[in-house]
Amino acid sequence: MKVDDLLLLAEVHRQGSLSAGARVLDLPKATLSRRLTALETSVGARLFVPGAKRLTLTELGHELAERALRHHDDISETRQWLASRDATPRGRLRVAMGSEFAMLVLSDALASFVQRYPEVELDIDCTPRWVDLLNEPYDLTLRFGAVTEPELVARPFITMHKGLFASPDYLARHGAPSTPDDLAAHRFVVYTPMARKGQHRLHHGTQTASFTMQGPLHCNSMGLAVALTRAGSGIGTLPSAMARQDVASGALVPLLPEWQFAPTEVSIVTASRRLMPSKIRAFIDHLFEEVPAGMVEALKTPSRLVGD
């Protein structure tokens, strides 16, 4: 026996006729009649008096309809509540992302999100590790690099471009490199996750140049690397998006701008695309709307998702 068919019986009983019930339910009369016949079959007894000129319920049909009516309004109200809940983003939203990326790239977008959706409690975990969305209580994460797990859904978000930067004070003391070969004579603020990869490659069209970062300052925080570069400690190999404010203010100067590093893709990753809560959908849409144009290269067009 289907609960929905019981609710159809209740509405027909309330309206007093099959035709009136069909109008209220916005169902073809033939469809409604077929559903009620199927209900009779599942119950194993007649619910309507056969041959009657107007709709007449049997004793069992009347009692069943009355019982269904007692729950009809509660179920309708519950359905409306669910629809409203789905339409209005609310509740706790747990997001994992790197701290420097959150501070230097997304801080304005995160602040405007909670203003836009005051019923959402945005809980940001600035963890440097890759979180396990299938086994940890996170709604989504922002992931650098390829997402290879087939059970995850990854939407390309932005492309991070790295560049070489230095402060005016450093350049006044050491001069600016004119070619990649000049980098061997310069001090670097060494970002240790990059330094572990050994030599680094720059590309200019079909040309390739390699160099090694060397210098007395090493750190594993990109935010600190930006600050140390701004302070004149050496050349920094920094994501352009994270250096943009210092470049705009004149605190940092781009070096060898025609030479490029291989870009890094950043993806928004969720565990599933089915039955996605409105708070997650709203957050993803908001990020695409609010990340400033020109700060990073936004991938606005749909692309293949991992998990497709």
Protein backbone atom coordinates (compact mmCIF):
# COMPACT_ATOMS: atom_id res chain seq x y z
CA MET A 1 0.00 0.00 0.00
CA LYS A 2 1.39 3.39 -1.03
CA VAL A 3 1.07 6.28 1.42
CA ASP A 4 0.52 8.71 -1.48
CA ASP A 5 -2.52 6.69 -2.59
CA LEU A 6 -3.98 6.92 0.90
CA LEU A 7 -3.59 10.70 0.70
CA LEU A 8 -5.42 10.65 -2.65
CA LEU A 9 -8.26 8.74 -1.01
CA ALA A 10 -8.38 11.29 1.81
CA GLU A 11 -8.61 14.22 -0.62
CA VAL A 12 -11.35 12.57 -2.72
CA HIS A 13 -13.30 11.90 0.48
CA ARG A 14 -12.86 15.52 1.54
CA GLN A 15 -14.01 16.87 -1.85
CA GLY A 16 -16.94 14.48 -2.10
CA SER A 17 -16.40 13.40 -5.70
CA LEU A 18 -13.79 11.96 -8.00
CA SER A 19 -14.00 14.96 -10.36
CA ALA A 20 -13.57 17.53 -7.59
CA GLY A 21 -10.70 15.54 -6.11
CA ALA A 22 -8.98 15.37 -9.50
CA ARG A 23 -9.23 19.16 -9.89
CA VAL A 24 -7.78 19.87 -6.45
CA LEU A 25 -5.02 17.30 -6.90
CA ASP A 26 -4.30 18.49 -10.44
CA LEU A 27 -4.49 14.92 -11.73
CA PRO A 28 -6.37 13.52 -14.71
CA LYS A 29 -9.56 11.85 -13.52
CA ALA A 30 -8.54 8.58 -15.21
CA THR A 31 -5.17 8.60 -13.40
CA LEU A 32 -6.84 9.26 -10.06
CA SER A 33 -9.34 6.44 -10.66
CA ARG A 34 -6.55 4.06 -11.58
CA ARG A 35 -4.57 4.93 -8.43
CA LEU A 36 -7.59 4.37 -6.21
CA THR A 37 -8.31 1.03 -7.88
CA ALA A 38 -4.69 0.04 -7.19
CA LEU A 39 -5.23 1.04 -3.55
CA GLU A 40 -8.26 -1.24 -3.34
CA THR A 41 -6.18 -4.07 -4.73
CA SER A 42 -3.39 -3.54 -2.22
CA VAL A 43 -5.88 -3.38 0.66
CA GLY A 44 -7.66 -6.50 -0.60
CA ALA A 45 -11.15 -5.11 -0.08
CA ARG A 46 -13.58 -2.70 -1.74
CA LEU A 47 -13.27 0.92 -0.66
CA PHE A 48 -16.08 2.26 -2.92
CA VAL A 49 -19.63 1.00 -3.33
CA PRO A 50 -19.81 -0.38 -6.90
CA GLY A 51 -22.55 0.95 -9.17
CA ALA A 52 -23.42 3.95 -6.99
CA LYS A 53 -24.51 7.07 -8.93
CA ARG A 54 -22.20 9.25 -6.84
CA LEU A 55 -19.00 8.50 -5.00
CA THR A 56 -19.86 6.37 -1.99
CA LEU A 57 -17.29 4.86 0.31
CA THR A 58 -17.75 1.50 1.94
CA GLU A 59 -17.47 1.31 5.72
CA LEU A 60 -13.82 0.27 5.40
CA GLY A 61 -13.19 2.97 2.78
CA HIS A 62 -14.73 5.64 4.99
CA GLU A 63 -12.70 4.62 8.03
CA LEU A 64 -9.49 4.43 5.99
CA ALA A 65 -10.15 7.86 4.44
CA GLU A 66 -10.83 9.39 7.88
CA ARG A 67 -7.60 7.95 9.24
CA ALA A 68 -5.67 9.26 6.22
CA LEU A 69 -7.27 12.70 6.62
CA ARG A 70 -5.89 12.98 10.14
CA HIS A 71 -2.37 12.78 8.72
CA HIS A 72 -2.97 14.55 5.40
CA ASP A 73 -2.40 18.09 6.67
CA ASP A 74 0.63 17.11 8.75
CA ILE A 75 2.26 15.44 5.75
CA SER A 76 1.47 18.39 3.48
CA GLU A 77 2.95 20.78 6.04
CA THR A 78 6.03 18.56 6.34
CA ARG A 79 6.49 18.57 2.56
CA GLN A 80 6.22 22.36 2.49
CA TRP A 81 8.76 22.56 5.30
CA LEU A 82 11.16 20.33 3.41
CA ALA A 83 10.74 22.40 0.24
CA SER A 84 11.36 25.60 2.20
CA ARG A 85 14.38 24.06 3.92
CA ASP A 86 15.86 23.05 0.59
CA ALA A 87 15.21 26.50 -0.89
CA THR A 88 16.82 28.44 1.97
CA PRO A 89 20.49 27.69 2.71
CA ARG A 90 20.87 27.09 6.43
CA GLY A 91 22.79 25.05 8.96
CA ARG A 92 26.47 24.35 9.54
CA LEU A 93 28.73 24.21 6.47
CA ARG A 94 32.17 22.67 7.06
CA VAL A 95 34.79 23.63 4.47
CA ALA A 96 38.47 22.62 4.38
CA MET A 97 41.03 24.83 2.61
CA GLY A 98 44.58 26.07 3.05
CA SER A 99 44.98 29.04 5.38
CA GLU A 100 46.94 31.23 2.96
CA PHE A 101 44.49 30.57 0.16
CA ALA A 102 41.62 31.49 2.49
CA MET A 103 43.31 34.68 3.71
CA LEU A 104 44.94 36.00 0.55
CA VAL A 105 42.47 34.88 -2.12
CA LEU A 106 39.02 34.13 -0.66
CA SER A 107 38.65 36.26 2.48
CA ASP A 108 36.33 38.82 0.86
CA ALA A 109 34.20 36.10 -0.74
CA LEU A 110 33.90 34.20 2.55
CA ALA A 111 32.88 37.33 4.45
CA SER A 112 30.24 38.26 1.88
CA PHE A 113 28.85 34.70 1.88
CA VAL A 114 27.81 34.82 5.55
CA GLN A 115 26.30 38.26 5.00
CA ARG A 116 24.34 36.93 2.04
CA TYR A 117 23.20 33.75 3.85
CA PRO A 118 22.84 34.62 7.55
CA GLU A 119 21.27 31.24 8.40
CA VAL A 120 24.43 29.37 7.37
CA GLU A 121 27.17 28.81 9.96
CA LEU A 122 30.36 28.70 7.90
CA ASP A 123 33.01 26.59 9.65
CA ILE A 124 36.37 26.87 7.83
CA ASP A 125 39.10 24.39 8.73
CA CYS A 126 42.42 25.77 7.46
CA THR A 127 44.15 22.43 7.41
CA PRO A 128 47.16 21.84 5.12
CA ARG A 129 46.31 18.15 4.63
CA TRP A 130 44.00 16.53 2.11
CA VAL A 131 40.79 15.72 3.97
CA ASP A 132 38.82 12.53 3.36
CA LEU A 133 35.37 13.75 2.34
CA LEU A 134 33.91 10.24 2.48
CA ASN A 135 34.95 9.55 6.07
CA GLU A 136 35.34 12.95 7.71
CA PRO A 137 32.61 15.48 8.54
CA TYR A 138 33.38 18.01 5.79
CA ASP A 139 30.90 19.24 3.19
CA LEU A 140 33.52 20.27 0.65
CA THR A 141 37.17 21.12 0.22
CA LEU A 142 39.30 23.18 -2.14
CA ARG A 143 42.02 21.00 -3.61
CA PHE A 144 45.20 22.04 -5.42
CA GLY A 145 46.27 19.81 -8.28
CA ALA A 146 44.60 16.81 -9.89
CA VAL A 147 41.68 15.07 -8.18
CA THR A 148 41.99 11.42 -9.08
CA GLU A 149 39.53 9.71 -6.72
CA PRO A 150 36.65 8.49 -8.93
CA GLU A 151 34.13 8.63 -6.08
CA LEU A 152 34.59 12.39 -5.65
CA VAL A 153 33.07 15.19 -7.68
CA ALA A 154 35.55 17.93 -8.62
CA ARG A 155 34.54 21.18 -10.29
CA PRO A 156 37.45 23.20 -11.76
CA PHE A 157 37.41 26.55 -9.98
CA ILE A 158 40.47 28.68 -10.73
CA THR A 159 43.95 28.39 -12.17
CA MET A 160 46.77 29.62 -9.94
CA HIS A 161 49.72 31.17 -11.77
CA LYS A 162 53.05 31.54 -9.95
CA GLY A 163 55.53 34.29 -10.65
CA LEU A 164 58.77 35.81 -9.38
CA PHE A 165 58.46 38.88 -7.15
CA ALA A 166 60.76 41.12 -5.14
CA SER A 167 60.46 44.29 -3.09
CA PRO A 168 61.76 47.65 -4.38
CA ASP A 169 64.24 47.62 -1.47
CA TYR A 170 65.69 44.25 -2.53
CA LEU A 171 65.93 45.37 -6.15
CA ALA A 172 67.69 48.61 -5.11
CA ARG A 173 70.34 46.53 -3.32
CA HIS A 174 70.73 43.60 -5.73
CA GLY A 175 69.30 44.73 -9.07
CA ALA A 176 66.63 43.01 -11.12
CA PRO A 177 67.31 39.83 -13.14
CA SER A 178 67.09 40.37 -16.89
CA THR A 179 67.08 36.69 -17.86
CA PRO A 180 66.47 33.40 -16.02
CA ASP A 181 70.25 32.83 -16.02
CA ASP A 182 70.61 35.86 -13.73
CA LEU A 183 68.59 34.11 -11.00
CA ALA A 184 71.65 32.08 -9.94
CA ALA A 185 73.16 35.25 -8.46
CA HIS A 186 70.08 36.12 -6.37
CA ARG A 187 68.82 35.23 -2.93
CA PHE A 188 65.40 33.60 -2.59
CA VAL A 189 62.81 33.34 0.13
CA VAL A 190 62.59 29.57 -0.15
CA TYR A 191 59.12 28.06 0.13
CA THR A 192 60.13 24.58 1.31
CA PRO A 193 57.32 22.53 -0.33
CA MET A 194 58.55 23.88 -3.68
CA ALA A 195 62.22 23.53 -2.79
CA ARG A 196 61.81 19.78 -2.27
CA LYS A 197 61.10 19.45 -5.98
CA GLY A 198 64.66 20.50 -6.84
CA GLN A 199 65.10 22.60 -9.96
CA HIS A 200 62.24 24.77 -11.18
CA ARG A 201 61.29 25.45 -14.75
CA LEU A 202 60.15 28.64 -16.40
CA HIS A 203 58.51 28.69 -19.83
CA HIS A 204 58.46 31.38 -22.49
CA GLY A 205 56.75 30.10 -25.61
CA THR A 206 58.85 27.13 -26.72
CA GLN A 207 61.80 28.12 -24.52
CA THR A 208 62.47 26.52 -21.14
CA ALA A 209 64.82 27.68 -18.38
CA SER A 210 65.68 25.96 -15.08
CA PHE A 211 66.92 27.44 -11.83
CA THR A 212 67.41 26.42 -8.19
CA MET A 213 66.10 28.43 -5.28
CA GLN A 214 68.78 29.26 -2.73
CA GLY A 215 68.84 31.60 0.23
CA PRO A 216 69.13 31.76 4.01
CA LEU A 217 65.37 31.97 4.68
CA HIS A 218 63.22 28.85 4.38
CA CYS A 219 59.57 28.50 5.43
CA ASN A 220 56.59 26.24 4.78
CA SER A 221 53.98 29.00 4.95
CA MET A 222 53.09 30.80 1.74
CA GLY A 223 51.67 33.70 3.75
CA LEU A 224 54.99 34.09 5.53
CA ALA A 225 56.85 33.77 2.22
CA VAL A 226 54.83 36.70 0.87
CA ALA A 227 55.58 38.78 3.99
CA LEU A 228 59.32 37.98 3.91
CA THR A 229 59.51 38.85 0.21
CA ARG A 230 57.73 42.12 0.91
CA ALA A 231 60.28 42.82 3.66
CA GLY A 232 63.15 42.57 1.17
CA SER A 233 64.58 39.22 2.25
CA GLY A 234 64.88 37.89 -1.28
CA ILE A 235 63.01 36.94 -4.44
CA GLY A 236 59.77 35.09 -3.77
CA THR A 237 58.22 32.46 -6.01
CA LEU A 238 54.62 33.32 -5.23
CA PRO A 239 51.12 32.70 -6.61
CA SER A 240 50.14 35.87 -8.45
CA ALA A 241 46.75 35.88 -6.72
CA MET A 242 48.41 35.98 -3.30
CA ALA A 243 50.75 38.81 -4.29
CA ARG A 244 48.17 40.92 -6.09
CA GLN A 245 47.52 43.43 -3.29
CA ASP A 246 51.25 44.04 -2.73
CA VAL A 247 51.80 44.48 -6.47
CA ALA A 248 48.92 46.97 -6.62
CA SER A 249 50.38 48.97 -3.70
CA GLY A 250 53.92 48.89 -5.08
CA ALA A 251 55.26 46.76 -2.20
CA LEU A 252 56.20 43.98 -4.66
CA VAL A 253 57.43 44.11 -8.24
CA PRO A 254 56.89 41.25 -10.74
CA LEU A 255 60.13 39.93 -12.27
CA LEU A 256 60.62 38.32 -15.70
CA PRO A 257 56.86 38.54 -16.37
CA GLU A 258 57.21 36.99 -19.83
CA TRP A 259 58.47 33.75 -18.24
CA GLN A 260 55.80 31.49 -16.75
CA PHE A 261 55.68 28.55 -14.34
CA ALA A 262 53.33 25.64 -15.04
CA PRO A 263 49.95 26.65 -13.57
CA THR A 264 48.20 24.82 -10.74
CA GLU A 265 44.50 23.99 -10.94
CA VAL A 266 42.28 24.52 -7.91
CA SER A 267 39.08 22.48 -7.73
CA ILE A 268 36.01 22.59 -5.50
CA VAL A 269 35.52 19.01 -4.36
CA THR A 270 32.42 17.37 -2.88
CA ALA A 271 31.58 13.76 -2.08
CA SER A 272 28.46 13.66 -4.22
CA ARG A 273 26.40 15.64 -6.70
CA ARG A 274 23.09 13.91 -5.87
CA LEU A 275 20.79 15.51 -3.28
CA MET A 276 23.30 18.30 -2.68
CA PRO A 277 22.03 20.51 0.19
CA SER A 278 21.22 24.06 -0.80
CA LYS A 279 23.90 25.43 1.56
CA ILE A 280 26.63 23.63 -0.43
CA ARG A 281 25.18 24.63 -3.79
CA ALA A 282 24.85 28.25 -2.63
CA PHE A 283 28.47 28.31 -1.40
CA ILE A 284 29.85 26.97 -4.68
CA ASP A 285 27.78 29.42 -6.74
CA HIS A 286 28.84 32.28 -4.48
CA LEU A 287 32.55 31.54 -4.93
CA PHE A 288 32.21 31.63 -8.70
CA GLU A 289 30.28 34.90 -8.50
CA GLU A 290 32.51 36.69 -5.99
CA VAL A 291 36.11 35.84 -6.88
CA PRO A 292 37.28 39.07 -8.54
CA ALA A 293 37.83 38.91 -12.28
CA GLY A 294 41.49 39.25 -13.17
CA MET A 295 42.72 38.16 -9.74
CA VAL A 296 42.94 34.58 -11.02
CA GLU A 297 41.86 32.93 -14.21
CA ALA A 298 38.38 31.68 -13.40
CA LEU A 299 37.07 28.66 -15.28
CA LYS A 300 33.48 29.74 -15.80
CA THR A 301 32.54 27.16 -18.42
CA PRO A 302 31.35 23.67 -17.42
CA SER A 303 33.98 20.97 -17.55
CA ARG A 304 34.11 17.22 -17.06
CA LEU A 305 33.79 16.31 -13.41
CA VAL A 306 35.65 13.54 -11.66
CA GLY A 307 32.96 11.02 -10.86
CA ASP A 308 31.08 11.49 -14.14
